[in-house]
Amino acid sequence: MWGWREIAADITAGGSVTFPSLRSFAAQGGHLYAVPASQLFNLHVSHDEGRTWQEIPRNYLLYPSATPGRVLISSTSPAGFFRSHDNGASWDTLEVNPAPNKSPVRIAEAGSTLFMTDQDCKLYYSKDDAVTWTLLVDHKACDKGNTYSDLTLSTSKAYATDQNKFIYQADVSSVVTTVEAPEEAEVQVQIAPHPVQTQSLLGVYLAAPAPLAAEVYDVLGRRVFVKRDPHARAGDHTIPLSTEGWASGTYVLRVTVASQVVTRALVVAY
C-alpha cells in the first residue's frame, strides 16, 4: 500500500532548536538538505534519512539541489553558487552569476542540465555544473511586479510559479541532456563480527560492476569512516573497518552502489 510515513517531526540542530517549516529542500539517497523558513541563512544536513540533523552556517539565503555525488546550492547574498562533492562537508565557491544585479531564485535539474530563475524572471541553463550559464527564456511576469517563487522540471518542460500563484511553462527539450541511469546492481551487505569491538569486516556483494562507497556516520551526522571504489567489479568485496577511538553506541552504515543506497545499524560495544 502506498502512503507517507513521518521521518522527522522537526529539524533540530543539536537537539535544541526547532524549525516549524522549510524554505527549500533537496534529497539524494539518505542525504537530506533543508533550509528552514525561520533561519534563511543556514543549511541543515541529515545523513540518516532525517533522524538527526547538522547545521552548516553559510551566511546567505540558500536553495539546494542534489544529484549523485554532488550538492549544489544557490545564494542570493552574495549572489552565486556553491558546490559540494562530499555531502556538504566542504564547499567550492563558483564565482559566476549570469545576472550580477539579480540573484538566483530557484535551481532545478533535468537530465544533466541545470536550470535557474533569477529575480528578473529570466530562465537560464547550464551544462557544466553551474560554471557557465546561458539565457533561455526572458519572461514578462516581472512586468507585473512578480518574481518566480518555484521552479520544477520534467524531461522537456519547465514549470514556474510566481507570487500571484500563476503557473508558467517553457519548452526546454532543445537544451536538456538526458543521462541513462546505470542498471542497479543487486547489493548484499554484511558486518562481521557484529557488534564491533575494535575491528570488523564489511562484506559487500555486487551482482554487476558499479561505483561503490561505504560510509559510517555517528548520531550527530558526522562521517567517521569512508571507503570508495569508483570502478568496483562484480562479486564479493571485503572492507576492513577499525573503530578504535570511537565511542560505544549505534552508528549508521551507508553503502552506496551507483544510485542505490543500503543502510544498516552498526553497533560498537567495548
Protein backbone atom coordinates (compact mmCIF):
# COMPACT_ATOMS: atom_id res chain seq x y z
CA MET A 1 0.00 0.00 0.00
CA TRP A 2 1.35 3.42 -0.99
CA GLY A 3 1.47 6.16 1.63
CA TRP A 4 3.59 8.53 3.68
CA ARG A 5 5.44 7.97 6.92
CA GLU A 6 6.85 10.66 9.17
CA ILE A 7 10.65 10.55 9.45
CA ALA A 8 11.22 13.85 11.28
CA ALA A 9 8.63 15.92 13.13
CA ASP A 10 11.01 18.89 13.23
CA ILE A 11 14.50 19.65 12.06
CA THR A 12 16.69 20.22 15.11
CA ALA A 13 20.24 21.44 15.39
CA GLY A 14 21.95 19.87 18.37
CA GLY A 15 18.57 18.83 19.72
CA SER A 16 17.74 22.31 20.98
CA VAL A 17 16.34 24.44 18.13
CA THR A 18 13.06 23.64 16.39
CA PHE A 19 12.08 24.85 12.90
CA PRO A 20 8.37 24.53 12.05
CA SER A 21 8.61 24.99 8.26
CA LEU A 22 11.10 24.80 5.38
CA ARG A 23 12.05 27.36 2.74
CA SER A 24 13.80 24.85 0.46
CA PHE A 25 14.64 21.16 0.45
CA ALA A 26 16.60 18.58 -1.58
CA ALA A 27 17.38 14.87 -1.19
CA GLN A 28 19.81 12.33 -2.62
CA GLY A 29 19.67 8.80 -1.27
CA GLY A 30 19.62 9.06 2.51
CA HIS A 31 21.21 12.53 2.47
CA LEU A 32 18.72 15.37 3.07
CA TYR A 33 19.38 19.11 2.71
CA ALA A 34 16.99 21.73 4.10
CA VAL A 35 16.81 25.47 4.73
CA PRO A 36 14.30 26.39 7.49
CA ALA A 37 11.97 29.30 6.78
CA SER A 38 12.79 30.80 10.16
CA GLN A 39 16.57 30.63 9.57
CA LEU A 40 17.10 31.51 5.92
CA PHE A 41 20.87 31.75 6.20
CA ASN A 42 21.73 28.24 7.40
CA LEU A 43 21.81 24.90 5.62
CA HIS A 44 20.84 21.79 7.63
CA VAL A 45 22.06 18.34 6.55
CA SER A 46 20.94 14.86 7.57
CA HIS A 47 22.91 11.73 6.62
CA ASP A 48 20.49 9.24 8.18
CA GLU A 49 17.24 9.93 6.32
CA GLY A 50 16.07 12.71 8.63
CA ARG A 51 16.62 11.16 12.06
CA THR A 52 19.36 13.61 13.08
CA TRP A 53 20.41 16.96 11.60
CA GLN A 54 23.59 19.03 11.49
CA GLU A 55 23.64 22.80 10.97
CA ILE A 56 26.06 24.27 8.41
CA PRO A 57 26.09 28.10 8.69
CA ARG A 58 26.62 29.66 5.26
CA ASN A 59 25.62 33.30 5.86
CA TYR A 60 23.43 33.61 2.79
CA LEU A 61 20.00 32.54 1.58
CA LEU A 62 20.18 29.06 0.06
CA TYR A 63 18.33 26.87 -2.42
CA PRO A 64 19.80 23.36 -2.63
CA SER A 65 19.79 20.82 -5.46
CA ALA A 66 21.28 17.33 -5.18
CA THR A 67 22.33 14.60 -7.62
CA PRO A 68 24.51 11.51 -7.08
CA GLY A 69 27.94 12.68 -5.95
CA ARG A 70 27.15 16.41 -5.90
CA VAL A 71 25.17 19.02 -3.99
CA LEU A 72 24.69 22.48 -5.50
CA ILE A 73 23.28 25.47 -3.62
CA SER A 74 22.39 28.89 -4.96
CA SER A 75 22.85 32.02 -2.89
CA THR A 76 21.17 35.41 -3.02
CA SER A 77 23.70 37.29 -0.89
CA PRO A 78 26.35 37.13 -2.16
CA ALA A 79 24.81 36.09 -5.49
CA GLY A 80 26.35 32.93 -6.84
CA PHE A 81 26.69 29.20 -6.42
CA PHE A 82 28.45 26.82 -4.07
CA ARG A 83 29.16 23.16 -4.81
CA SER A 84 29.99 20.15 -2.63
CA HIS A 85 31.18 16.70 -3.69
CA ASP A 86 31.31 15.25 -0.16
CA ASN A 87 27.70 15.61 1.01
CA GLY A 88 28.16 19.11 2.42
CA ALA A 89 31.37 18.59 4.40
CA SER A 90 33.30 21.07 2.22
CA TRP A 91 32.27 23.57 -0.46
CA ASP A 92 33.70 25.08 -3.65
CA THR A 93 32.77 28.69 -4.44
CA LEU A 94 31.76 29.23 -8.07
CA GLU A 95 32.43 32.89 -8.84
CA VAL A 96 29.76 33.11 -11.51
CA ASN A 97 26.30 34.61 -11.88
CA PRO A 98 24.66 35.36 -15.23
CA ALA A 99 22.81 38.40 -13.87
CA PRO A 100 25.18 40.23 -11.46
CA ASN A 101 22.47 42.63 -10.29
CA LYS A 102 19.79 39.99 -9.81
CA SER A 103 20.21 37.00 -7.52
CA PRO A 104 19.23 33.38 -8.27
CA VAL A 105 15.75 32.47 -7.06
CA ARG A 106 15.48 28.73 -7.73
CA ILE A 107 17.53 25.97 -9.31
CA ALA A 108 16.32 22.66 -10.72
CA GLU A 109 17.66 19.85 -12.90
CA ALA A 110 16.56 17.77 -15.88
CA GLY A 111 18.92 15.05 -17.02
CA SER A 112 22.41 16.55 -16.70
CA THR A 113 21.20 20.11 -17.42
CA LEU A 114 20.81 22.70 -14.64
CA PHE A 115 18.19 25.45 -14.78
CA MET A 116 17.94 28.65 -12.76
CA THR A 117 15.48 31.53 -12.43
CA ASP A 118 16.52 34.96 -11.20
CA GLN A 119 14.68 37.95 -9.74
CA ASP A 120 14.01 39.29 -13.27
CA CYS A 121 12.04 36.14 -14.16
CA LYS A 122 14.72 35.02 -16.61
CA LEU A 123 15.34 31.30 -17.10
CA TYR A 124 18.96 30.19 -17.62
CA TYR A 125 20.54 26.79 -18.20
CA SER A 126 23.99 25.32 -17.57
CA LYS A 127 25.60 22.18 -18.97
CA ASP A 128 28.85 22.39 -16.98
CA ASP A 129 27.65 22.02 -13.38
CA ALA A 130 26.85 25.74 -12.82
CA VAL A 131 30.16 27.15 -14.05
CA THR A 132 28.64 28.98 -17.05
CA TRP A 133 25.02 29.93 -17.78
CA THR A 134 23.05 30.76 -20.95
CA LEU A 135 19.79 32.72 -21.11
CA LEU A 136 16.92 30.57 -22.39
CA VAL A 137 13.68 32.46 -21.60
CA ASP A 138 13.06 36.13 -20.73
CA HIS A 139 9.50 36.15 -19.34
CA LYS A 140 7.23 39.12 -18.75
CA ALA A 141 5.96 38.02 -15.34
CA CYS A 142 8.17 40.57 -13.63
CA ASP A 143 6.46 43.35 -15.57
CA LYS A 144 3.56 42.74 -13.21
CA GLY A 145 5.78 43.17 -10.17
CA ASN A 146 6.09 39.43 -9.62
CA THR A 147 9.03 37.11 -9.05
CA TYR A 148 9.16 33.38 -9.68
CA SER A 149 8.70 31.55 -6.40
CA ASP A 150 9.28 27.96 -7.54
CA LEU A 151 10.76 26.00 -10.44
CA THR A 152 10.11 22.39 -11.48
CA LEU A 153 11.49 20.44 -14.44
CA SER A 154 10.26 17.46 -16.42
CA THR A 155 12.21 15.88 -19.27
CA SER A 156 11.04 18.51 -21.76
CA LYS A 157 9.16 21.25 -19.84
CA ALA A 158 9.98 23.85 -17.21
CA TYR A 159 7.20 25.00 -14.88
CA ALA A 160 7.47 28.14 -12.75
CA THR A 161 5.05 29.79 -10.33
CA ASP A 162 5.01 33.46 -9.40
CA GLN A 163 3.97 35.31 -6.27
CA ASN A 164 0.39 35.65 -7.55
CA LYS A 165 0.12 31.87 -7.94
CA PHE A 166 0.20 31.92 -11.75
CA ILE A 167 1.89 28.95 -13.44
CA TYR A 168 4.15 29.39 -16.48
CA GLN A 169 5.50 26.74 -18.85
CA ALA A 170 8.56 26.74 -21.13
CA ASP A 171 9.79 24.13 -23.60
CA VAL A 172 13.35 23.11 -22.60
CA SER A 173 13.67 19.96 -24.73
CA SER A 174 16.25 21.59 -27.02
CA VAL A 175 18.77 22.05 -24.20
CA VAL A 176 18.10 19.06 -21.91
CA THR A 177 20.81 16.42 -21.98
CA THR A 178 19.45 13.12 -20.76
CA VAL A 179 21.63 10.67 -18.90
CA GLU A 180 20.80 7.00 -18.94
CA ALA A 181 20.67 5.68 -15.41
CA PRO A 182 23.02 2.75 -14.83
CA GLU A 183 21.41 -0.57 -14.16
CA GLU A 184 21.12 -1.02 -10.42
CA ALA A 185 23.20 -3.87 -9.13
CA GLU A 186 21.83 -6.21 -6.51
CA VAL A 187 23.60 -5.32 -3.27
CA GLN A 188 24.17 -7.53 -0.24
CA VAL A 189 25.81 -6.11 2.89
CA GLN A 190 27.17 -7.94 5.95
CA ILE A 191 29.06 -6.83 9.09
CA ALA A 192 31.19 -9.42 10.88
CA PRO A 193 31.88 -9.62 13.70
CA HIS A 194 28.96 -7.58 14.95
CA PRO A 195 28.60 -5.81 17.39
CA VAL A 196 32.05 -4.39 16.70
CA GLN A 197 34.69 -4.13 19.42
CA THR A 198 37.70 -2.68 17.61
CA GLN A 199 37.96 -4.46 14.25
CA SER A 200 35.37 -5.76 11.81
CA LEU A 201 34.88 -6.54 8.13
CA LEU A 202 32.22 -5.11 5.86
CA GLY A 203 31.17 -7.64 3.25
CA VAL A 204 29.54 -6.26 0.11
CA TYR A 205 28.35 -8.32 -2.85
CA LEU A 206 27.65 -6.72 -6.23
CA ALA A 207 25.76 -8.53 -8.94
CA ALA A 208 27.23 -6.19 -11.59
CA PRO A 209 30.13 -3.69 -11.81
CA ALA A 210 29.27 -0.29 -10.32
CA PRO A 211 30.76 2.59 -8.27
CA LEU A 212 30.91 1.54 -4.60
CA ALA A 213 31.10 3.68 -1.46
CA ALA A 214 30.89 2.61 2.21
CA GLU A 215 30.36 5.32 4.84
CA VAL A 216 29.71 5.34 8.58
CA TYR A 217 28.02 8.25 10.40
CA ASP A 218 27.68 8.90 14.12
CA VAL A 219 24.48 10.06 15.86
CA LEU A 220 25.33 13.71 15.10
CA GLY A 221 25.53 13.03 11.38
CA ARG A 222 29.33 13.30 11.26
CA ARG A 223 31.09 10.94 8.87
CA VAL A 224 33.65 8.87 10.75
CA PHE A 225 34.59 6.39 8.02
CA VAL A 226 34.59 6.32 4.22
CA LYS A 227 35.92 3.93 1.59
CA ARG A 228 35.28 4.37 -2.14
CA ASP A 229 35.90 2.30 -5.24
CA PRO A 230 34.65 4.13 -8.36
CA HIS A 231 35.22 1.05 -10.53
CA ALA A 232 34.13 -1.84 -8.29
CA ARG A 233 33.89 -5.17 -10.08
CA ALA A 234 31.05 -7.64 -9.76
CA GLY A 235 31.34 -10.14 -6.92
CA ASP A 236 32.43 -10.07 -3.27
CA HIS A 237 34.23 -7.12 -1.67
CA THR A 238 35.74 -7.07 1.83
CA ILE A 239 36.33 -3.71 3.52
CA PRO A 240 38.31 -3.60 6.80
CA LEU A 241 36.76 -1.38 9.46
CA SER A 242 38.58 -0.13 12.57
CA THR A 243 36.55 1.51 15.34
CA GLU A 244 39.47 2.33 17.63
CA GLY A 245 38.84 5.66 19.29
CA TRP A 246 35.10 5.58 18.57
CA ALA A 247 32.59 5.93 21.38
CA SER A 248 30.36 2.96 22.17
CA GLY A 249 26.93 3.28 20.60
CA THR A 250 24.95 2.89 17.40
CA TYR A 251 26.20 4.26 14.10
CA VAL A 252 24.72 4.30 10.58
CA LEU A 253 26.46 2.31 7.84
CA ARG A 254 25.59 3.54 4.34
CA VAL A 255 26.64 1.51 1.32
CA THR A 256 26.04 3.28 -2.00
CA VAL A 257 26.21 1.40 -5.28
CA ALA A 258 25.54 3.66 -8.28
CA SER A 259 22.26 5.34 -7.18
CA GLN A 260 21.19 2.52 -4.82
CA VAL A 261 21.65 3.08 -1.08
CA VAL A 262 21.64 0.36 1.60
CA THR A 263 21.72 1.36 5.28
CA ARG A 264 22.49 -0.78 8.32
CA ALA A 265 22.73 -0.07 12.04
CA LEU A 266 26.32 -0.59 13.18
CA VAL A 267 26.78 -1.14 16.92
CA VAL A 268 30.12 -0.50 18.64
CA ALA A 269 30.41 -2.12 22.07
CA TYR A 270 33.63 -2.33 24.07
